[in-house]
N, C-alpha and C. Protein backbone atom coordinates (compact mmCIF):
# COMPACT_ATOMS: atom_id res chain seq x y z
N ASN A 1 130.66 15.18 112.38
CA ASN A 1 131.75 16.05 111.96
C ASN A 1 132.10 17.04 113.06
N SER A 2 133.34 17.42 113.10
CA SER A 2 133.81 18.40 114.07
C SER A 2 134.85 19.28 113.38
N THR A 3 135.44 20.20 114.15
CA THR A 3 136.44 21.07 113.53
C THR A 3 137.64 20.26 113.05
N ALA A 4 137.85 19.06 113.59
CA ALA A 4 138.93 18.22 113.10
C ALA A 4 138.69 17.80 111.66
N ASP A 5 137.42 17.75 111.25
CA ASP A 5 137.09 17.40 109.88
C ASP A 5 137.32 18.56 108.91
N TYR A 6 137.50 19.76 109.45
CA TYR A 6 137.73 20.95 108.66
C TYR A 6 139.02 21.59 109.15
N PRO A 7 140.20 21.09 108.73
CA PRO A 7 141.46 21.55 109.30
C PRO A 7 141.76 23.02 109.06
N TRP A 8 141.07 23.66 108.13
CA TRP A 8 141.33 25.07 107.88
C TRP A 8 140.65 25.95 108.92
N ILE A 9 139.78 25.38 109.75
CA ILE A 9 139.15 26.15 110.82
C ILE A 9 140.04 26.04 112.04
N LYS A 10 140.43 27.16 112.57
CA LYS A 10 141.30 27.18 113.72
C LYS A 10 140.51 27.63 114.95
N LYS A 11 140.63 26.89 116.04
CA LYS A 11 140.04 27.33 117.30
C LYS A 11 141.04 28.26 117.96
N LYS A 12 140.59 29.42 118.32
CA LYS A 12 141.46 30.44 118.88
C LYS A 12 141.60 30.24 120.38
N ASN A 13 142.81 30.33 120.89
CA ASN A 13 143.03 30.34 122.32
C ASN A 13 142.58 31.70 122.83
N ILE A 14 141.45 31.73 123.50
CA ILE A 14 140.81 33.01 123.84
C ILE A 14 141.55 33.78 124.91
N ASN A 15 142.45 33.14 125.64
CA ASN A 15 143.19 33.86 126.67
C ASN A 15 144.50 34.43 126.14
N SER A 16 144.82 34.13 124.91
CA SER A 16 146.07 34.58 124.33
C SER A 16 146.03 36.07 124.05
N LYS A 17 147.10 36.74 124.38
CA LYS A 17 147.21 38.16 124.07
C LYS A 17 148.02 38.39 122.80
N GLN A 18 148.59 37.31 122.25
CA GLN A 18 149.39 37.43 121.05
C GLN A 18 148.69 36.76 119.89
N SER A 19 148.76 37.38 118.74
CA SER A 19 148.24 36.73 117.54
C SER A 19 149.15 35.58 117.17
N LYS A 20 148.59 34.56 116.56
CA LYS A 20 149.36 33.40 116.14
C LYS A 20 149.29 33.26 114.64
N ILE A 21 150.23 32.53 114.08
CA ILE A 21 150.24 32.28 112.65
C ILE A 21 149.73 30.87 112.44
N ASN A 22 148.74 30.71 111.53
CA ASN A 22 148.24 29.37 111.24
C ASN A 22 149.00 28.78 110.07
N ASN A 23 148.59 27.60 109.64
CA ASN A 23 149.30 26.89 108.59
C ASN A 23 149.37 27.65 107.28
N SER A 24 148.41 28.53 106.99
CA SER A 24 148.44 29.27 105.73
C SER A 24 149.15 30.61 105.89
N LYS A 25 149.82 30.80 107.00
CA LYS A 25 150.64 31.99 107.27
C LYS A 25 149.82 33.27 107.36
N ILE A 26 148.54 33.15 107.69
CA ILE A 26 147.70 34.33 107.90
C ILE A 26 147.64 34.60 109.39
N LEU A 27 147.89 35.82 109.79
CA LEU A 27 147.86 36.18 111.19
C LEU A 27 146.42 36.15 111.70
N GLU A 28 146.19 35.42 112.79
CA GLU A 28 144.87 35.43 113.40
C GLU A 28 144.80 36.58 114.39
N LYS A 29 143.65 37.22 114.42
CA LYS A 29 143.47 38.36 115.29
C LYS A 29 143.00 37.90 116.67
N ASN A 30 143.44 38.58 117.70
CA ASN A 30 142.92 38.31 119.04
C ASN A 30 141.79 39.29 119.33
N ILE A 31 141.19 39.19 120.50
CA ILE A 31 140.01 40.02 120.80
C ILE A 31 140.36 41.51 120.78
N ASP A 32 141.57 41.88 121.16
CA ASP A 32 141.95 43.29 121.09
C ASP A 32 142.00 43.78 119.65
N ASP A 33 142.52 42.94 118.74
CA ASP A 33 142.53 43.28 117.31
C ASP A 33 141.10 43.45 116.80
N ILE A 34 140.22 42.56 117.24
CA ILE A 34 138.82 42.60 116.79
C ILE A 34 138.14 43.87 117.29
N ARG A 35 138.41 44.24 118.53
CA ARG A 35 137.82 45.49 119.08
C ARG A 35 138.27 46.70 118.26
N VAL A 36 139.53 46.72 117.83
CA VAL A 36 140.03 47.82 116.99
C VAL A 36 139.28 47.84 115.67
N LEU A 37 139.11 46.68 115.03
CA LEU A 37 138.34 46.61 113.77
C LEU A 37 136.93 47.14 113.96
N ILE A 38 136.29 46.71 115.06
CA ILE A 38 134.91 47.14 115.33
C ILE A 38 134.85 48.64 115.53
N SER A 39 135.82 49.20 116.23
CA SER A 39 135.81 50.65 116.50
C SER A 39 135.94 51.47 115.21
N LYS A 40 136.56 50.88 114.18
CA LYS A 40 136.74 51.59 112.91
C LYS A 40 135.50 51.53 112.03
N ASP A 41 134.52 50.68 112.39
CA ASP A 41 133.25 50.57 111.68
C ASP A 41 133.40 49.72 110.41
N GLU A 42 132.28 49.46 109.78
CA GLU A 42 132.28 48.69 108.54
C GLU A 42 132.93 49.52 107.43
N SER A 43 133.55 48.80 106.49
CA SER A 43 134.30 49.49 105.43
C SER A 43 134.38 48.59 104.22
N SER A 44 135.21 48.97 103.27
CA SER A 44 135.41 48.14 102.08
C SER A 44 136.12 46.83 102.43
N THR A 45 136.71 46.75 103.63
CA THR A 45 137.43 45.54 104.02
C THR A 45 136.93 44.91 105.32
N CYS A 46 135.82 45.41 105.86
CA CYS A 46 135.29 44.85 107.11
C CYS A 46 133.76 44.91 107.10
N GLU A 47 133.13 43.80 107.49
CA GLU A 47 131.67 43.70 107.53
C GLU A 47 131.26 43.05 108.84
N PHE A 48 130.20 43.56 109.47
CA PHE A 48 129.64 42.98 110.69
C PHE A 48 128.33 42.28 110.36
N LYS A 49 128.12 41.13 110.95
CA LYS A 49 126.83 40.43 110.88
C LYS A 49 126.50 39.92 112.27
N GLU A 50 125.28 40.17 112.70
CA GLU A 50 124.85 39.71 114.01
C GLU A 50 124.76 38.19 114.06
N SER A 51 124.41 37.59 112.93
CA SER A 51 124.08 36.17 112.92
C SER A 51 124.39 35.55 111.57
N ALA A 52 124.70 34.26 111.58
CA ALA A 52 124.80 33.50 110.33
C ALA A 52 123.51 32.73 110.10
N VAL A 53 122.57 32.84 111.03
CA VAL A 53 121.29 32.13 110.93
C VAL A 53 120.17 33.08 110.56
N TRP A 54 120.09 34.19 111.27
CA TRP A 54 118.94 35.09 111.14
C TRP A 54 119.27 36.34 110.36
N GLY A 55 118.42 36.68 109.42
CA GLY A 55 118.51 37.92 108.67
C GLY A 55 117.15 38.59 108.70
N PRO A 56 116.97 39.66 107.93
CA PRO A 56 115.67 40.30 107.86
C PRO A 56 114.66 39.41 107.13
N GLY A 57 113.40 39.56 107.46
CA GLY A 57 112.36 38.80 106.78
C GLY A 57 111.10 38.75 107.62
N SER A 58 110.00 38.35 106.98
CA SER A 58 108.71 38.34 107.67
C SER A 58 108.34 36.98 108.25
N SER A 59 109.07 35.94 107.89
CA SER A 59 108.81 34.61 108.45
C SER A 59 110.14 34.00 108.87
N ASP A 60 110.08 32.97 109.71
CA ASP A 60 111.32 32.32 110.13
C ASP A 60 112.10 31.79 108.93
N LYS A 61 111.40 31.18 107.97
CA LYS A 61 112.07 30.63 106.80
C LYS A 61 112.76 31.75 106.01
N ALA A 62 112.06 32.86 105.80
CA ALA A 62 112.65 33.99 105.07
C ALA A 62 113.85 34.55 105.83
N ARG A 63 113.76 34.64 107.14
CA ARG A 63 114.86 35.17 107.95
C ARG A 63 116.07 34.25 107.91
N ILE A 64 115.83 32.93 107.94
CA ILE A 64 116.94 31.97 107.87
C ILE A 64 117.60 32.01 106.49
N ASP A 65 116.77 32.05 105.44
CA ASP A 65 117.32 32.14 104.07
C ASP A 65 118.15 33.41 103.90
N MET A 66 117.66 34.53 104.42
CA MET A 66 118.37 35.80 104.29
C MET A 66 119.65 35.81 105.14
N GLY A 67 119.61 35.20 106.31
CA GLY A 67 120.81 35.12 107.15
C GLY A 67 121.93 34.39 106.43
N LYS A 68 121.61 33.26 105.83
CA LYS A 68 122.59 32.49 105.07
C LYS A 68 123.08 33.29 103.87
N PHE A 69 122.17 33.91 103.13
CA PHE A 69 122.52 34.68 101.94
C PHE A 69 123.47 35.84 102.26
N GLN A 70 123.20 36.55 103.36
CA GLN A 70 124.03 37.71 103.72
C GLN A 70 125.49 37.31 103.95
N ILE A 71 125.70 36.16 104.58
CA ILE A 71 127.06 35.68 104.85
C ILE A 71 127.75 35.32 103.53
N LEU A 72 127.05 34.55 102.70
CA LEU A 72 127.62 34.11 101.42
C LEU A 72 127.92 35.29 100.50
N LYS A 73 127.02 36.25 100.48
CA LYS A 73 127.20 37.43 99.63
C LYS A 73 128.43 38.24 100.08
N ALA A 74 128.60 38.41 101.37
CA ALA A 74 129.76 39.15 101.88
C ALA A 74 131.06 38.43 101.51
N ILE A 75 131.08 37.11 101.65
CA ILE A 75 132.28 36.34 101.30
C ILE A 75 132.58 36.47 99.81
N ALA A 76 131.56 36.36 98.97
CA ALA A 76 131.77 36.51 97.53
C ALA A 76 132.29 37.91 97.20
N GLY A 77 131.70 38.93 97.80
CA GLY A 77 132.13 40.31 97.54
C GLY A 77 133.57 40.56 97.93
N PHE A 78 133.97 40.08 99.12
CA PHE A 78 135.36 40.24 99.56
C PHE A 78 136.31 39.46 98.67
N SER A 79 135.93 38.25 98.28
CA SER A 79 136.84 37.43 97.47
C SER A 79 137.05 38.04 96.09
N ASN A 80 136.07 38.78 95.58
CA ASN A 80 136.20 39.42 94.27
C ASN A 80 136.92 40.77 94.35
N SER A 81 137.10 41.30 95.54
CA SER A 81 137.78 42.59 95.67
C SER A 81 139.29 42.41 95.57
N LYS A 82 140.00 43.51 95.41
CA LYS A 82 141.46 43.46 95.29
C LYS A 82 142.13 43.23 96.64
N LYS A 83 141.46 43.63 97.74
CA LYS A 83 142.07 43.56 99.06
C LYS A 83 141.55 42.41 99.92
N GLY A 84 140.41 41.81 99.57
CA GLY A 84 139.79 40.84 100.46
C GLY A 84 139.12 41.57 101.61
N GLY A 85 138.91 40.88 102.72
CA GLY A 85 138.27 41.53 103.85
C GLY A 85 138.04 40.59 105.01
N VAL A 86 137.43 41.14 106.05
CA VAL A 86 137.15 40.39 107.27
C VAL A 86 135.66 40.49 107.57
N LEU A 87 135.04 39.34 107.77
CA LEU A 87 133.64 39.24 108.15
C LEU A 87 133.59 38.84 109.61
N LEU A 88 132.95 39.66 110.44
CA LEU A 88 132.82 39.38 111.87
C LEU A 88 131.37 39.00 112.14
N ILE A 89 131.13 37.74 112.48
CA ILE A 89 129.78 37.27 112.77
C ILE A 89 129.62 37.21 114.28
N GLY A 90 128.59 37.92 114.76
CA GLY A 90 128.36 38.05 116.19
C GLY A 90 128.53 39.49 116.65
N VAL A 91 128.60 40.41 115.66
CA VAL A 91 128.76 41.84 115.92
C VAL A 91 127.65 42.58 115.19
N SER A 92 126.95 43.46 115.91
CA SER A 92 125.84 44.20 115.30
C SER A 92 126.35 45.40 114.52
N ASP A 93 125.49 45.94 113.65
CA ASP A 93 125.85 47.11 112.84
C ASP A 93 126.18 48.32 113.71
N ASP A 94 125.65 48.34 114.95
CA ASP A 94 125.96 49.47 115.83
C ASP A 94 127.17 49.17 116.73
N LYS A 95 128.03 48.26 116.26
CA LYS A 95 129.34 47.97 116.85
C LYS A 95 129.28 47.27 118.21
N LYS A 96 128.22 46.56 118.49
CA LYS A 96 128.12 45.82 119.75
C LYS A 96 128.45 44.35 119.52
N ILE A 97 129.26 43.80 120.41
CA ILE A 97 129.55 42.37 120.36
C ILE A 97 128.39 41.66 121.05
N ILE A 98 127.58 40.97 120.25
CA ILE A 98 126.42 40.29 120.83
C ILE A 98 126.63 38.79 120.97
N GLY A 99 127.63 38.27 120.29
CA GLY A 99 127.92 36.85 120.38
C GLY A 99 127.00 36.01 119.52
N LEU A 100 127.19 34.70 119.60
CA LEU A 100 126.48 33.78 118.72
C LEU A 100 125.64 32.75 119.48
N GLU A 101 125.37 32.98 120.74
CA GLU A 101 124.63 32.00 121.54
C GLU A 101 123.26 31.67 120.95
N LYS A 102 122.56 32.67 120.43
CA LYS A 102 121.24 32.40 119.82
C LYS A 102 121.39 31.53 118.58
N ASP A 103 122.43 31.78 117.78
CA ASP A 103 122.71 30.95 116.61
C ASP A 103 123.00 29.51 117.04
N PHE A 104 123.87 29.36 118.03
CA PHE A 104 124.24 28.02 118.49
C PHE A 104 123.02 27.28 119.02
N HIS A 105 122.20 27.97 119.78
CA HIS A 105 120.99 27.35 120.33
C HIS A 105 120.05 26.90 119.21
N HIS A 106 119.87 27.75 118.21
CA HIS A 106 118.97 27.40 117.10
C HIS A 106 119.50 26.18 116.33
N ARG A 107 120.80 26.08 116.19
CA ARG A 107 121.42 24.97 115.43
C ARG A 107 121.79 23.80 116.35
N GLN A 108 121.37 23.82 117.58
CA GLN A 108 121.59 22.80 118.61
C GLN A 108 122.87 23.03 119.40
N ASN A 109 123.97 23.35 118.72
CA ASN A 109 125.22 23.61 119.42
C ASN A 109 126.22 24.27 118.46
N LYS A 110 127.36 24.63 119.00
CA LYS A 110 128.40 25.32 118.23
C LYS A 110 128.92 24.46 117.08
N ASP A 111 129.14 23.16 117.35
CA ASP A 111 129.66 22.26 116.33
C ASP A 111 128.69 22.13 115.16
N LYS A 112 127.42 21.96 115.45
CA LYS A 112 126.40 21.84 114.38
C LYS A 112 126.32 23.15 113.59
N TRP A 113 126.42 24.29 114.28
CA TRP A 113 126.40 25.60 113.62
C TRP A 113 127.54 25.68 112.60
N MET A 114 128.75 25.24 113.01
CA MET A 114 129.90 25.28 112.11
C MET A 114 129.70 24.34 110.93
N GLN A 115 129.17 23.15 111.17
CA GLN A 115 128.93 22.19 110.09
C GLN A 115 127.98 22.77 109.05
N ILE A 116 126.93 23.43 109.52
CA ILE A 116 125.96 24.02 108.59
C ILE A 116 126.60 25.16 107.81
N LEU A 117 127.37 26.01 108.48
CA LEU A 117 128.04 27.12 107.80
C LEU A 117 128.99 26.60 106.72
N ILE A 118 129.82 25.62 107.04
CA ILE A 118 130.76 25.05 106.06
C ILE A 118 129.98 24.39 104.92
N GLY A 119 128.91 23.68 105.26
CA GLY A 119 128.07 23.07 104.22
C GLY A 119 127.49 24.11 103.28
N ASN A 120 127.04 25.24 103.85
CA ASN A 120 126.51 26.33 103.02
C ASN A 120 127.57 26.88 102.08
N LEU A 121 128.81 27.02 102.59
CA LEU A 121 129.91 27.52 101.75
C LEU A 121 130.19 26.57 100.60
N LYS A 122 130.27 25.29 100.91
CA LYS A 122 130.56 24.29 99.87
C LYS A 122 129.44 24.23 98.84
N LYS A 123 128.20 24.29 99.31
CA LYS A 123 127.06 24.23 98.39
C LYS A 123 127.00 25.47 97.50
N ALA A 124 127.25 26.64 98.07
CA ALA A 124 127.15 27.89 97.32
C ALA A 124 128.27 28.06 96.31
N PHE A 125 129.50 27.71 96.71
CA PHE A 125 130.66 28.00 95.87
C PHE A 125 131.19 26.77 95.15
N GLY A 126 130.70 25.60 95.49
CA GLY A 126 131.06 24.38 94.79
C GLY A 126 132.54 24.22 94.60
N GLU A 127 132.94 23.99 93.36
CA GLU A 127 134.36 23.79 93.06
C GLU A 127 135.18 25.04 93.33
N ASP A 128 134.53 26.21 93.35
CA ASP A 128 135.25 27.45 93.64
C ASP A 128 135.64 27.54 95.11
N PHE A 129 134.96 26.75 95.98
CA PHE A 129 135.24 26.83 97.41
C PHE A 129 136.63 26.28 97.70
N SER A 130 137.43 27.09 98.34
CA SER A 130 138.79 26.67 98.68
C SER A 130 139.15 27.25 100.04
N PRO A 131 139.46 26.39 100.98
CA PRO A 131 139.84 26.90 102.30
C PRO A 131 141.06 27.81 102.26
N SER A 132 141.83 27.77 101.19
CA SER A 132 143.04 28.61 101.13
C SER A 132 142.70 30.09 101.06
N TRP A 133 141.49 30.44 100.61
CA TRP A 133 141.15 31.87 100.58
C TRP A 133 140.24 32.29 101.72
N LEU A 134 140.00 31.36 102.67
CA LEU A 134 139.24 31.68 103.88
C LEU A 134 140.01 31.22 105.11
N ASN A 135 140.22 32.12 106.03
CA ASN A 135 140.80 31.78 107.33
C ASN A 135 139.69 32.01 108.35
N GLN A 136 139.27 30.95 109.02
CA GLN A 136 138.11 31.03 109.90
C GLN A 136 138.48 30.59 111.31
N TYR A 137 138.03 31.35 112.30
CA TYR A 137 138.30 31.00 113.69
C TYR A 137 137.38 31.78 114.62
N PHE A 138 137.30 31.32 115.86
CA PHE A 138 136.53 32.00 116.90
C PHE A 138 137.46 32.85 117.76
N VAL A 139 136.96 33.99 118.19
CA VAL A 139 137.54 34.73 119.30
C VAL A 139 136.41 34.96 120.28
N SER A 140 136.77 35.21 121.52
CA SER A 140 135.74 35.36 122.54
C SER A 140 135.97 36.63 123.33
N ASP A 141 134.88 37.32 123.61
CA ASP A 141 134.89 38.50 124.46
C ASP A 141 134.06 38.13 125.68
N GLU A 142 134.74 37.79 126.75
CA GLU A 142 134.09 37.23 127.94
C GLU A 142 133.36 35.96 127.52
N ASP A 143 132.04 35.95 127.58
CA ASP A 143 131.30 34.72 127.22
C ASP A 143 130.61 34.84 125.86
N ARG A 144 131.03 35.80 125.06
CA ARG A 144 130.41 36.01 123.75
C ARG A 144 131.38 35.65 122.64
N ASP A 145 131.00 34.66 121.84
CA ASP A 145 131.83 34.22 120.71
C ASP A 145 131.59 35.09 119.49
N ILE A 146 132.67 35.37 118.78
CA ILE A 146 132.63 36.03 117.47
C ILE A 146 133.31 35.06 116.51
N TYR A 147 132.69 34.85 115.36
CA TYR A 147 133.31 34.01 114.34
C TYR A 147 133.93 34.95 113.32
N VAL A 148 135.22 34.80 113.12
CA VAL A 148 135.98 35.66 112.21
C VAL A 148 136.24 34.87 110.94
N ILE A 149 135.89 35.46 109.82
CA ILE A 149 136.23 34.89 108.52
C ILE A 149 137.05 35.92 107.78
N GLU A 150 138.33 35.60 107.59
CA GLU A 150 139.22 36.47 106.81
C GLU A 150 139.23 35.93 105.39
N ILE A 151 138.83 36.77 104.45
CA ILE A 151 138.69 36.35 103.06
C ILE A 151 139.81 36.98 102.24
N SER A 152 140.61 36.14 101.63
CA SER A 152 141.67 36.63 100.74
C SER A 152 141.07 36.91 99.36
N PRO A 153 141.65 37.85 98.63
CA PRO A 153 141.19 38.06 97.26
C PRO A 153 141.43 36.79 96.45
N ASN A 154 140.46 36.39 95.70
CA ASN A 154 140.59 35.18 94.89
C ASN A 154 141.27 35.50 93.58
N SER A 155 141.87 34.50 92.95
CA SER A 155 142.55 34.71 91.67
C SER A 155 141.59 34.60 90.48
N GLU A 156 140.37 34.15 90.74
CA GLU A 156 139.33 34.06 89.71
C GLU A 156 138.03 34.60 90.27
N PRO A 157 137.13 35.07 89.43
CA PRO A 157 135.86 35.59 89.93
C PRO A 157 135.04 34.49 90.62
N ILE A 158 134.35 34.89 91.67
CA ILE A 158 133.47 33.99 92.42
C ILE A 158 132.04 34.46 92.20
N PHE A 159 131.18 33.54 91.82
CA PHE A 159 129.76 33.85 91.61
C PHE A 159 128.92 33.17 92.68
N LEU A 160 127.84 33.81 93.06
CA LEU A 160 126.89 33.26 94.01
C LEU A 160 125.54 33.22 93.32
N ASP A 161 125.03 32.02 93.08
CA ASP A 161 123.77 31.86 92.34
C ASP A 161 123.80 32.62 91.02
N ASP A 162 124.88 32.52 90.29
CA ASP A 162 125.09 33.18 89.00
C ASP A 162 125.14 34.69 89.08
N ALA A 163 125.23 35.24 90.30
CA ALA A 163 125.37 36.69 90.47
C ALA A 163 126.81 36.98 90.89
N PHE A 164 127.31 38.12 90.45
CA PHE A 164 128.68 38.54 90.74
C PHE A 164 128.62 39.72 91.69
N TYR A 165 129.23 39.56 92.89
CA TYR A 165 129.18 40.60 93.92
C TYR A 165 130.55 41.21 94.15
N VAL A 166 130.56 42.51 94.47
CA VAL A 166 131.78 43.23 94.82
C VAL A 166 131.50 44.13 96.02
N ARG A 167 132.56 44.53 96.68
CA ARG A 167 132.43 45.50 97.76
C ARG A 167 132.41 46.89 97.15
N ASP A 168 131.51 47.71 97.67
CA ASP A 168 131.41 49.11 97.27
C ASP A 168 131.30 49.91 98.56
N GLY A 169 132.42 50.42 99.04
CA GLY A 169 132.43 51.06 100.35
C GLY A 169 132.13 50.02 101.41
N ASN A 170 131.12 50.29 102.25
CA ASN A 170 130.79 49.35 103.32
C ASN A 170 129.60 48.44 102.95
N THR A 171 129.34 48.30 101.67
CA THR A 171 128.25 47.41 101.24
C THR A 171 128.76 46.43 100.18
N THR A 172 127.99 45.39 99.98
CA THR A 172 128.28 44.42 98.93
C THR A 172 127.15 44.52 97.92
N LYS A 173 127.50 44.71 96.66
CA LYS A 173 126.46 44.90 95.65
C LYS A 173 126.73 44.02 94.43
N PRO A 174 125.67 43.69 93.70
CA PRO A 174 125.87 42.90 92.48
C PRO A 174 126.30 43.80 91.33
N LEU A 175 127.11 43.25 90.44
CA LEU A 175 127.44 43.93 89.19
C LEU A 175 126.88 43.10 88.05
N THR A 176 126.35 43.79 87.06
CA THR A 176 125.81 43.09 85.89
C THR A 176 126.27 43.81 84.62
N GLY A 177 126.05 43.16 83.51
CA GLY A 177 126.29 43.77 82.20
C GLY A 177 127.70 44.27 82.01
N LYS A 178 127.79 45.46 81.41
CA LYS A 178 129.08 46.05 81.07
C LYS A 178 129.93 46.32 82.31
N ALA A 179 129.30 46.75 83.41
CA ALA A 179 130.05 47.02 84.64
C ALA A 179 130.71 45.74 85.16
N GLN A 180 129.98 44.63 85.10
CA GLN A 180 130.53 43.35 85.53
C GLN A 180 131.69 42.94 84.63
N TYR A 181 131.48 43.01 83.34
CA TYR A 181 132.52 42.64 82.38
C TYR A 181 133.78 43.47 82.60
N SER A 182 133.61 44.78 82.73
CA SER A 182 134.75 45.68 82.90
C SER A 182 135.49 45.38 84.21
N PHE A 183 134.74 45.16 85.29
CA PHE A 183 135.36 44.87 86.57
C PHE A 183 136.17 43.58 86.49
N ILE A 184 135.57 42.52 85.96
CA ILE A 184 136.26 41.23 85.85
C ILE A 184 137.49 41.35 84.95
N PHE A 185 137.36 42.05 83.84
CA PHE A 185 138.47 42.22 82.91
C PHE A 185 139.66 42.91 83.59
N ASN A 186 139.37 43.96 84.38
CA ASN A 186 140.43 44.71 85.04
C ASN A 186 140.95 44.03 86.32
N ARG A 187 140.05 43.42 87.08
CA ARG A 187 140.43 42.81 88.37
C ARG A 187 141.14 41.46 88.19
N PHE A 188 140.79 40.73 87.14
CA PHE A 188 141.36 39.40 86.93
C PHE A 188 142.06 39.32 85.57
N PRO A 189 143.18 40.04 85.42
CA PRO A 189 143.84 40.08 84.11
C PRO A 189 144.37 38.69 83.66
N ASN A 190 144.55 37.79 84.61
CA ASN A 190 145.04 36.46 84.27
C ASN A 190 144.02 35.68 83.42
N LEU A 191 142.78 36.12 83.37
CA LEU A 191 141.76 35.45 82.59
C LEU A 191 141.73 35.93 81.15
N ASN A 192 142.43 37.03 80.86
CA ASN A 192 142.41 37.62 79.52
C ASN A 192 143.28 36.85 78.54
């Protein structure tokens, strides 16, 4: 499989100074746009992740599981919000562009990394997974790749492992019980 197998993934022309419009009419950001987002810090509409492979944990397996979970949780939270958001993978919490070379090396190469990420999305969201609410592409800062995932607000609630996540400021948190019911009732009136 390659990016040709996933037509919703756009490879960004890294030398371009102008944003382009893709087939879903979403403006893709260039590296200057990304630098502006990074300078504004994480927020209700922007999240940084150093890696899609590695997260916190005491063993490699725990770190890999947490790395995958953090990406999926952020996507679910943005899709359930009213505004959506942008997930920048390859950017540290302290606003440094670190790139994804370690991720690519661990997964053998960039193509395999993308295949695993897309597979994780399909497995986690199943029938709810729709490329129409995700715009995904690479931008590059010199020799450091950043993977940008722009998440549109979904028209129906998205659950991850039967948990419902929302953005709360610059974090993604689960909602349960009455809070979850109230949020879904108000955010998705088409379900009423």
